[in-house]
Amino acid sequence: GLKVVRVGRPEATRPDLEQYNLLDMVKDLDPKSAIGAQIKRRAVSEAQVVCTTCSGADHPVVQHMQFGCVLLDEAGQATELAVLVPLMKLKPEGSVTLVGDHRQLPPTVSNVE
């Protein structure tokens, strides 16, 4: 199978997916230890798929990483500013896929007027 890591709050993770949560992977380690930070960085760098929210794409563990592909789920719900965070992680030759179901959730519309 794929090596998958989810970067985000463990309480927002479904119970059957907790094994993929980065913080759950290192829950027994001191959060301020250098070993914990090293294990987090290694887990993310070795992952084939890194899952996060748009704002979570700026988490310290992925701050200096670039990705060959970015998939934006619920793209119609995301604002332009929120989408910039993961897009800044895209390699120059990378690709972006926008996914969303207009029948599931309506698009987010911001209008200053």
N, C-alpha and C. Protein backbone atom coordinates (compact mmCIF):
# COMPACT_ATOMS: atom_id res chain seq x y z
N GLY A 1 0.81 -1.19 0.00
CA GLY A 1 0.00 0.00 0.00
C GLY A 1 0.86 1.26 0.00
N LEU A 2 0.19 2.36 -0.08
CA LEU A 2 0.85 3.66 -0.07
C LEU A 2 1.27 4.06 1.34
N LYS A 3 2.35 4.81 1.42
CA LYS A 3 2.76 5.41 2.70
C LYS A 3 2.04 6.75 2.79
N VAL A 4 1.09 6.85 3.72
CA VAL A 4 0.24 8.03 3.86
C VAL A 4 0.42 8.63 5.24
N VAL A 5 0.50 9.96 5.29
CA VAL A 5 0.58 10.69 6.55
C VAL A 5 -0.44 11.82 6.51
N ARG A 6 -1.20 11.96 7.58
CA ARG A 6 -2.11 13.10 7.70
C ARG A 6 -1.52 14.06 8.71
N VAL A 7 -1.33 15.31 8.30
CA VAL A 7 -0.81 16.35 9.17
C VAL A 7 -2.02 17.16 9.64
N GLY A 8 -2.33 17.07 10.91
CA GLY A 8 -3.49 17.78 11.43
C GLY A 8 -3.86 17.29 12.81
N ARG A 9 -4.90 17.88 13.34
CA ARG A 9 -5.34 17.56 14.69
C ARG A 9 -5.89 16.14 14.77
N PRO A 10 -5.42 15.36 15.72
CA PRO A 10 -5.91 13.98 15.85
C PRO A 10 -7.41 13.91 16.12
N GLU A 11 -7.96 14.88 16.84
CA GLU A 11 -9.39 14.83 17.15
C GLU A 11 -10.27 15.06 15.92
N ALA A 12 -9.67 15.55 14.83
CA ALA A 12 -10.43 15.76 13.59
C ALA A 12 -10.27 14.56 12.64
N THR A 13 -9.64 13.50 13.12
CA THR A 13 -9.39 12.32 12.29
C THR A 13 -10.37 11.22 12.66
N ARG A 14 -10.95 10.60 11.64
CA ARG A 14 -11.84 9.46 11.89
C ARG A 14 -11.05 8.36 12.61
N PRO A 15 -11.70 7.64 13.54
CA PRO A 15 -11.00 6.59 14.30
C PRO A 15 -10.30 5.55 13.43
N ASP A 16 -10.89 5.18 12.30
CA ASP A 16 -10.28 4.16 11.46
C ASP A 16 -9.08 4.68 10.66
N LEU A 17 -8.83 6.00 10.74
CA LEU A 17 -7.70 6.59 10.02
C LEU A 17 -6.63 7.15 10.96
N GLU A 18 -6.81 6.97 12.27
CA GLU A 18 -5.87 7.53 13.25
C GLU A 18 -4.44 7.06 13.04
N GLN A 19 -4.27 5.84 12.55
CA GLN A 19 -2.92 5.30 12.35
C GLN A 19 -2.09 6.14 11.38
N TYR A 20 -2.75 6.95 10.54
CA TYR A 20 -2.05 7.77 9.57
C TYR A 20 -1.75 9.18 10.08
N ASN A 21 -2.31 9.54 11.23
CA ASN A 21 -2.13 10.89 11.75
C ASN A 21 -0.72 11.05 12.33
N LEU A 22 -0.04 12.08 11.89
CA LEU A 22 1.35 12.31 12.30
C LEU A 22 1.49 12.43 13.81
N LEU A 23 0.61 13.19 14.44
CA LEU A 23 0.71 13.36 15.89
C LEU A 23 0.39 12.07 16.63
N ASP A 24 -0.47 11.25 16.06
CA ASP A 24 -0.78 9.96 16.67
C ASP A 24 0.43 9.02 16.58
N MET A 25 1.21 9.18 15.51
CA MET A 25 2.39 8.33 15.32
C MET A 25 3.46 8.57 16.39
N VAL A 26 3.50 9.79 16.91
CA VAL A 26 4.55 10.14 17.88
C VAL A 26 3.96 10.50 19.25
N LYS A 27 2.75 10.04 19.53
CA LYS A 27 2.06 10.43 20.77
C LYS A 27 2.79 10.00 22.03
N ASP A 28 3.61 8.97 21.97
CA ASP A 28 4.32 8.50 23.16
C ASP A 28 5.65 9.21 23.39
N LEU A 29 6.03 10.11 22.49
CA LEU A 29 7.30 10.84 22.61
C LEU A 29 7.05 12.22 23.19
N ASP A 30 8.07 12.77 23.81
CA ASP A 30 8.01 14.15 24.32
C ASP A 30 7.84 15.08 23.12
N PRO A 31 6.76 15.90 23.10
CA PRO A 31 6.52 16.76 21.93
C PRO A 31 7.63 17.77 21.65
N LYS A 32 8.45 18.07 22.65
CA LYS A 32 9.52 19.05 22.45
C LYS A 32 10.87 18.40 22.19
N SER A 33 10.89 17.08 22.15
CA SER A 33 12.17 16.40 21.95
C SER A 33 12.64 16.48 20.51
N ALA A 34 13.94 16.48 20.34
CA ALA A 34 14.52 16.52 19.00
C ALA A 34 14.21 15.22 18.25
N ILE A 35 14.14 14.11 18.98
CA ILE A 35 13.82 12.82 18.36
C ILE A 35 12.42 12.85 17.77
N GLY A 36 11.45 13.42 18.52
CA GLY A 36 10.08 13.51 18.03
C GLY A 36 10.01 14.33 16.75
N ALA A 37 10.70 15.47 16.73
CA ALA A 37 10.71 16.33 15.54
C ALA A 37 11.35 15.60 14.36
N GLN A 38 12.43 14.87 14.63
CA GLN A 38 13.12 14.13 13.57
C GLN A 38 12.22 13.02 13.01
N ILE A 39 11.50 12.33 13.88
CA ILE A 39 10.61 11.26 13.44
C ILE A 39 9.47 11.84 12.60
N LYS A 40 8.94 12.99 13.01
CA LYS A 40 7.88 13.64 12.23
C LYS A 40 8.37 14.01 10.84
N ARG A 41 9.54 14.65 10.78
CA ARG A 41 10.09 15.05 9.47
C ARG A 41 10.34 13.83 8.57
N ARG A 42 10.87 12.77 9.16
CA ARG A 42 11.15 11.57 8.38
C ARG A 42 9.85 10.94 7.88
N ALA A 43 8.84 10.87 8.73
CA ALA A 43 7.56 10.27 8.34
C ALA A 43 6.95 11.03 7.16
N VAL A 44 7.02 12.35 7.21
CA VAL A 44 6.45 13.16 6.13
C VAL A 44 7.29 13.06 4.87
N SER A 45 8.61 13.11 5.01
CA SER A 45 9.46 13.07 3.82
C SER A 45 9.42 11.70 3.13
N GLU A 46 9.16 10.63 3.89
CA GLU A 46 9.09 9.29 3.30
C GLU A 46 7.70 8.94 2.79
N ALA A 47 6.71 9.76 3.12
CA ALA A 47 5.34 9.47 2.70
C ALA A 47 5.17 9.68 1.20
N GLN A 48 4.34 8.86 0.62
CA GLN A 48 3.99 9.03 -0.79
C GLN A 48 2.81 9.99 -0.94
N VAL A 49 2.00 10.08 0.10
CA VAL A 49 0.84 10.97 0.12
C VAL A 49 0.83 11.69 1.47
N VAL A 50 0.74 13.02 1.42
CA VAL A 50 0.62 13.83 2.63
C VAL A 50 -0.73 14.52 2.57
N CYS A 51 -1.57 14.26 3.57
CA CYS A 51 -2.92 14.84 3.61
C CYS A 51 -2.94 15.95 4.65
N THR A 52 -3.55 17.07 4.27
CA THR A 52 -3.68 18.19 5.18
C THR A 52 -4.76 19.12 4.67
N THR A 53 -5.20 20.04 5.51
CA THR A 53 -6.11 21.08 5.05
C THR A 53 -5.28 22.15 4.35
N CYS A 54 -5.95 23.12 3.74
CA CYS A 54 -5.21 24.20 3.07
C CYS A 54 -4.31 24.93 4.07
N SER A 55 -4.86 25.30 5.23
CA SER A 55 -4.03 26.01 6.22
C SER A 55 -2.99 25.09 6.83
N GLY A 56 -3.30 23.81 6.95
CA GLY A 56 -2.35 22.85 7.50
C GLY A 56 -1.14 22.62 6.61
N ALA A 57 -1.23 23.05 5.36
CA ALA A 57 -0.10 22.90 4.43
C ALA A 57 1.07 23.78 4.84
N ASP A 58 0.86 24.66 5.81
CA ASP A 58 1.95 25.49 6.33
C ASP A 58 2.42 25.02 7.70
N HIS A 59 2.05 23.81 8.07
CA HIS A 59 2.50 23.23 9.35
C HIS A 59 4.03 23.20 9.35
N PRO A 60 4.66 23.44 10.49
CA PRO A 60 6.13 23.46 10.53
C PRO A 60 6.81 22.23 9.94
N VAL A 61 6.19 21.07 10.05
CA VAL A 61 6.83 19.85 9.56
C VAL A 61 6.86 19.79 8.02
N VAL A 62 6.02 20.56 7.35
CA VAL A 62 6.03 20.58 5.88
C VAL A 62 6.43 21.94 5.31
N GLN A 63 6.82 22.87 6.17
CA GLN A 63 7.11 24.23 5.74
C GLN A 63 8.13 24.33 4.61
N HIS A 64 9.15 23.53 4.62
CA HIS A 64 10.21 23.66 3.62
C HIS A 64 10.14 22.56 2.56
N MET A 65 8.99 21.92 2.44
CA MET A 65 8.84 20.84 1.46
C MET A 65 8.13 21.35 0.22
N GLN A 66 8.38 20.66 -0.89
CA GLN A 66 7.67 20.92 -2.14
C GLN A 66 7.11 19.60 -2.64
N PHE A 67 6.00 19.68 -3.37
CA PHE A 67 5.32 18.49 -3.83
C PHE A 67 5.10 18.54 -5.33
N GLY A 68 5.14 17.38 -5.96
CA GLY A 68 4.95 17.29 -7.39
C GLY A 68 3.49 17.35 -7.79
N CYS A 69 2.60 17.10 -6.86
CA CYS A 69 1.17 17.11 -7.15
C CYS A 69 0.42 17.63 -5.93
N VAL A 70 -0.54 18.50 -6.17
CA VAL A 70 -1.41 19.00 -5.11
C VAL A 70 -2.84 18.72 -5.55
N LEU A 71 -3.60 18.04 -4.70
CA LEU A 71 -5.00 17.78 -4.97
C LEU A 71 -5.81 18.59 -3.96
N LEU A 72 -6.67 19.46 -4.45
CA LEU A 72 -7.51 20.29 -3.58
C LEU A 72 -8.92 19.74 -3.60
N ASP A 73 -9.31 19.10 -2.49
CA ASP A 73 -10.65 18.56 -2.36
C ASP A 73 -11.58 19.68 -1.90
N GLU A 74 -12.83 19.59 -2.26
CA GLU A 74 -13.83 20.63 -1.95
C GLU A 74 -13.34 21.98 -2.45
N ALA A 75 -12.80 22.00 -3.65
CA ALA A 75 -12.19 23.21 -4.21
C ALA A 75 -13.17 24.38 -4.29
N GLY A 76 -14.44 24.10 -4.50
CA GLY A 76 -15.43 25.18 -4.56
C GLY A 76 -15.67 25.84 -3.22
N GLN A 77 -15.32 25.16 -2.15
CA GLN A 77 -15.49 25.70 -0.79
C GLN A 77 -14.30 26.54 -0.36
N ALA A 78 -13.18 26.38 -1.02
CA ALA A 78 -11.95 27.07 -0.61
C ALA A 78 -11.90 28.47 -1.22
N THR A 79 -11.43 29.42 -0.43
CA THR A 79 -11.23 30.77 -0.96
C THR A 79 -9.89 30.82 -1.68
N GLU A 80 -9.72 31.85 -2.51
CA GLU A 80 -8.46 31.99 -3.25
C GLU A 80 -7.27 32.08 -2.30
N LEU A 81 -7.43 32.83 -1.22
CA LEU A 81 -6.32 32.99 -0.27
C LEU A 81 -5.96 31.67 0.40
N ALA A 82 -6.96 30.87 0.76
CA ALA A 82 -6.69 29.58 1.41
C ALA A 82 -5.95 28.65 0.46
N VAL A 83 -6.30 28.68 -0.81
CA VAL A 83 -5.70 27.79 -1.81
C VAL A 83 -4.24 28.14 -2.07
N LEU A 84 -3.88 29.40 -1.85
CA LEU A 84 -2.48 29.80 -2.08
C LEU A 84 -1.50 29.04 -1.19
N VAL A 85 -1.92 28.68 0.02
CA VAL A 85 -1.01 27.99 0.94
C VAL A 85 -0.51 26.68 0.35
N PRO A 86 -1.38 25.74 -0.04
CA PRO A 86 -0.84 24.51 -0.64
C PRO A 86 -0.21 24.73 -2.01
N LEU A 87 -0.70 25.71 -2.77
CA LEU A 87 -0.10 25.95 -4.09
C LEU A 87 1.34 26.44 -3.98
N MET A 88 1.67 27.11 -2.90
CA MET A 88 3.05 27.56 -2.69
C MET A 88 4.00 26.38 -2.44
N LYS A 89 3.46 25.21 -2.16
CA LYS A 89 4.26 24.00 -1.93
C LYS A 89 4.50 23.22 -3.22
N LEU A 90 3.90 23.67 -4.30
CA LEU A 90 3.97 22.95 -5.57
C LEU A 90 5.31 23.19 -6.26
N LYS A 91 5.93 22.10 -6.73
CA LYS A 91 7.15 22.23 -7.52
C LYS A 91 6.82 22.94 -8.82
N PRO A 92 7.79 23.66 -9.42
CA PRO A 92 7.51 24.40 -10.67
C PRO A 92 6.93 23.52 -11.78
N GLU A 93 7.35 22.28 -11.85
CA GLU A 93 6.85 21.39 -12.90
C GLU A 93 5.66 20.55 -12.42
N GLY A 94 5.15 20.87 -11.23
CA GLY A 94 4.07 20.09 -10.63
C GLY A 94 2.71 20.33 -11.25
N SER A 95 1.74 19.56 -10.77
CA SER A 95 0.38 19.69 -11.29
C SER A 95 -0.61 19.83 -10.14
N VAL A 96 -1.74 20.46 -10.45
CA VAL A 96 -2.80 20.70 -9.47
C VAL A 96 -4.08 20.07 -10.00
N THR A 97 -4.81 19.43 -9.11
CA THR A 97 -6.12 18.88 -9.45
C THR A 97 -7.14 19.47 -8.48
N LEU A 98 -8.19 20.07 -9.03
CA LEU A 98 -9.26 20.64 -8.23
C LEU A 98 -10.43 19.67 -8.25
N VAL A 99 -10.92 19.30 -7.06
CA VAL A 99 -11.99 18.32 -6.94
C VAL A 99 -13.11 18.93 -6.11
N GLY A 100 -14.33 18.69 -6.50
CA GLY A 100 -15.47 19.16 -5.73
C GLY A 100 -16.76 18.69 -6.35
N ASP A 101 -17.79 18.64 -5.55
CA ASP A 101 -19.10 18.22 -6.01
C ASP A 101 -20.08 19.35 -5.74
N HIS A 102 -20.49 20.06 -6.78
CA HIS A 102 -21.38 21.20 -6.63
C HIS A 102 -22.75 20.81 -6.06
N ARG A 103 -23.07 19.53 -6.09
CA ARG A 103 -24.35 19.08 -5.53
C ARG A 103 -24.23 18.74 -4.04
N GLN A 104 -23.00 18.59 -3.58
CA GLN A 104 -22.80 18.25 -2.17
C GLN A 104 -22.73 19.52 -1.32
N LEU A 105 -21.85 20.43 -1.68
CA LEU A 105 -21.70 21.70 -0.97
C LEU A 105 -21.69 22.84 -1.97
N PRO A 106 -22.36 23.93 -1.65
CA PRO A 106 -22.34 25.06 -2.59
C PRO A 106 -20.98 25.74 -2.56
N PRO A 107 -20.65 26.48 -3.63
CA PRO A 107 -19.36 27.19 -3.65
C PRO A 107 -19.34 28.33 -2.63
N THR A 108 -18.15 28.64 -2.16
CA THR A 108 -17.97 29.80 -1.29
C THR A 108 -17.84 31.03 -2.17
N VAL A 109 -18.69 32.01 -1.92
CA VAL A 109 -18.65 33.25 -2.71
C VAL A 109 -18.41 34.40 -1.76
N SER A 110 -17.33 35.13 -2.00
CA SER A 110 -17.03 36.33 -1.20
C SER A 110 -17.27 37.55 -2.07
N ASN A 111 -18.04 38.46 -1.56
CA ASN A 111 -18.38 39.65 -2.33
C ASN A 111 -18.31 40.85 -1.38
N VAL A 112 -17.48 41.83 -1.71
CA VAL A 112 -17.33 43.00 -0.85
C VAL A 112 -18.45 44.01 -1.04
N GLU A 113 -19.25 43.87 -2.08
CA GLU A 113 -20.35 44.81 -2.33
C GLU A 113 -21.55 44.51 -1.49
